[in-house]
Amino acid sequence: MPEDDLKKAGLKVTLPRLKILNILESSARKHMSAEEIYKIFIERGDEIGIATV
């Protein structure tokens, strides 16, 4: 579960973190920049700040 992954890493489970983790886990690419992740959020219509990513 993504929540467990965040907790194991010592991070607080938040909705933005879960969404970012979902993007990273579902991506075929191994490395994505913060800007690339941010653009995916914009395309989906999600409101999230670049600083959050």
N, C-alpha and C. Protein backbone atom coordinates (compact mmCIF):
# COMPACT_ATOMS: atom_id res chain seq x y z
N MET A 1 0.83 -1.18 0.00
CA MET A 1 0.00 0.00 0.00
C MET A 1 0.88 1.25 0.00
N PRO A 2 0.48 2.25 -0.75
CA PRO A 2 1.27 3.48 -0.80
C PRO A 2 1.40 4.15 0.57
N GLU A 3 0.36 4.07 1.39
CA GLU A 3 0.42 4.69 2.71
C GLU A 3 1.55 4.08 3.53
N ASP A 4 1.69 2.77 3.44
CA ASP A 4 2.74 2.08 4.18
C ASP A 4 4.12 2.48 3.69
N ASP A 5 4.26 2.67 2.38
CA ASP A 5 5.55 3.09 1.82
C ASP A 5 5.96 4.45 2.37
N LEU A 6 5.01 5.37 2.45
CA LEU A 6 5.30 6.70 2.98
C LEU A 6 5.67 6.63 4.46
N LYS A 7 4.92 5.85 5.22
CA LYS A 7 5.19 5.73 6.65
C LYS A 7 6.56 5.10 6.90
N LYS A 8 6.91 4.09 6.11
CA LYS A 8 8.22 3.44 6.26
C LYS A 8 9.35 4.42 5.98
N ALA A 9 9.09 5.37 5.09
CA ALA A 9 10.10 6.38 4.75
C ALA A 9 10.12 7.51 5.78
N GLY A 10 9.24 7.43 6.78
CA GLY A 10 9.20 8.45 7.82
C GLY A 10 8.46 9.70 7.41
N LEU A 11 7.59 9.59 6.40
CA LEU A 11 6.85 10.75 5.90
C LEU A 11 5.40 10.69 6.35
N LYS A 12 4.83 11.85 6.57
CA LYS A 12 3.41 11.96 6.89
C LYS A 12 2.61 11.64 5.63
N VAL A 13 1.54 10.89 5.79
CA VAL A 13 0.69 10.53 4.65
C VAL A 13 -0.26 11.69 4.38
N THR A 14 -0.09 12.31 3.20
CA THR A 14 -0.97 13.40 2.78
C THR A 14 -1.51 13.08 1.39
N LEU A 15 -2.63 13.69 1.04
CA LEU A 15 -3.22 13.45 -0.27
C LEU A 15 -2.26 13.82 -1.41
N PRO A 16 -1.59 14.99 -1.35
CA PRO A 16 -0.65 15.30 -2.43
C PRO A 16 0.47 14.26 -2.56
N ARG A 17 0.99 13.78 -1.43
CA ARG A 17 2.05 12.76 -1.49
C ARG A 17 1.53 11.47 -2.09
N LEU A 18 0.31 11.09 -1.75
CA LEU A 18 -0.27 9.88 -2.32
C LEU A 18 -0.44 10.02 -3.83
N LYS A 19 -0.88 11.19 -4.28
CA LYS A 19 -1.05 11.42 -5.71
C LYS A 19 0.29 11.39 -6.44
N ILE A 20 1.31 11.99 -5.85
CA ILE A 20 2.64 11.98 -6.46
C ILE A 20 3.18 10.56 -6.53
N LEU A 21 3.04 9.82 -5.45
CA LEU A 21 3.50 8.43 -5.42
C LEU A 21 2.77 7.60 -6.47
N ASN A 22 1.50 7.84 -6.65
CA ASN A 22 0.71 7.13 -7.66
C ASN A 22 1.27 7.40 -9.05
N ILE A 23 1.59 8.65 -9.34
CA ILE A 23 2.15 9.00 -10.65
C ILE A 23 3.49 8.30 -10.85
N LEU A 24 4.33 8.33 -9.84
CA LEU A 24 5.65 7.71 -9.96
C LEU A 24 5.55 6.19 -10.14
N GLU A 25 4.64 5.57 -9.41
CA GLU A 25 4.49 4.11 -9.50
C GLU A 25 3.86 3.68 -10.82
N SER A 26 3.01 4.51 -11.40
CA SER A 26 2.34 4.13 -12.64
C SER A 26 3.10 4.55 -13.89
N SER A 27 4.17 5.28 -13.71
CA SER A 27 4.95 5.76 -14.86
C SER A 27 5.87 4.66 -15.38
N ALA A 28 5.98 4.59 -16.69
CA ALA A 28 6.91 3.64 -17.30
C ALA A 28 8.34 4.15 -17.19
N ARG A 29 8.49 5.44 -16.97
CA ARG A 29 9.82 6.05 -16.86
C ARG A 29 10.35 5.87 -15.45
N LYS A 30 11.65 5.67 -15.34
CA LYS A 30 12.24 5.47 -14.02
C LYS A 30 12.46 6.79 -13.29
N HIS A 31 12.78 7.84 -14.03
CA HIS A 31 13.08 9.13 -13.41
C HIS A 31 12.20 10.20 -14.03
N MET A 32 11.60 10.99 -13.19
CA MET A 32 10.78 12.11 -13.65
C MET A 32 11.18 13.34 -12.84
N SER A 33 11.24 14.47 -13.51
CA SER A 33 11.54 15.71 -12.80
C SER A 33 10.27 16.21 -12.12
N ALA A 34 10.45 17.12 -11.18
CA ALA A 34 9.30 17.72 -10.50
C ALA A 34 8.42 18.44 -11.50
N GLU A 35 9.04 19.08 -12.48
CA GLU A 35 8.27 19.80 -13.50
C GLU A 35 7.41 18.84 -14.33
N GLU A 36 7.96 17.67 -14.67
CA GLU A 36 7.19 16.69 -15.43
C GLU A 36 5.99 16.19 -14.63
N ILE A 37 6.20 15.94 -13.36
CA ILE A 37 5.11 15.49 -12.50
C ILE A 37 4.06 16.59 -12.37
N TYR A 38 4.52 17.82 -12.20
CA TYR A 38 3.62 18.97 -12.10
C TYR A 38 2.76 19.11 -13.35
N LYS A 39 3.36 18.92 -14.52
CA LYS A 39 2.62 19.03 -15.78
C LYS A 39 1.52 17.96 -15.87
N ILE A 40 1.79 16.77 -15.35
CA ILE A 40 0.77 15.72 -15.33
C ILE A 40 -0.41 16.15 -14.47
N PHE A 41 -0.12 16.75 -13.32
CA PHE A 41 -1.20 17.25 -12.47
C PHE A 41 -2.03 18.30 -13.19
N ILE A 42 -1.38 19.22 -13.89
CA ILE A 42 -2.08 20.28 -14.62
C ILE A 42 -2.97 19.66 -15.70
N GLU A 43 -2.44 18.68 -16.44
CA GLU A 43 -3.21 18.03 -17.49
C GLU A 43 -4.44 17.32 -16.93
N ARG A 44 -4.32 16.78 -15.73
CA ARG A 44 -5.44 16.08 -15.09
C ARG A 44 -6.44 17.06 -14.46
N GLY A 45 -6.05 18.30 -14.34
CA GLY A 45 -6.92 19.28 -13.70
C GLY A 45 -6.79 19.31 -12.19
N ASP A 46 -5.77 18.66 -11.66
CA ASP A 46 -5.53 18.69 -10.21
C ASP A 46 -4.84 19.99 -9.84
N GLU A 47 -5.24 20.55 -8.72
CA GLU A 47 -4.61 21.77 -8.23
C GLU A 47 -3.54 21.39 -7.22
N ILE A 48 -2.30 21.62 -7.59
CA ILE A 48 -1.17 21.34 -6.72
C ILE A 48 -0.06 22.31 -7.10
N GLY A 49 0.67 22.78 -6.13
CA GLY A 49 1.75 23.72 -6.40
C GLY A 49 3.03 23.00 -6.77
N ILE A 50 3.83 23.64 -7.58
CA ILE A 50 5.12 23.06 -7.98
C ILE A 50 5.99 22.81 -6.75
N ALA A 51 5.88 23.65 -5.74
CA ALA A 51 6.67 23.47 -4.52
C ALA A 51 6.27 22.19 -3.78
N THR A 52 5.03 21.79 -3.91
CA THR A 52 4.57 20.55 -3.28
C THR A 52 5.20 19.35 -3.96
N VAL A 53 5.34 19.43 -5.27
CA VAL A 53 5.94 18.34 -6.03
C VAL A 53 7.41 18.29 -5.71
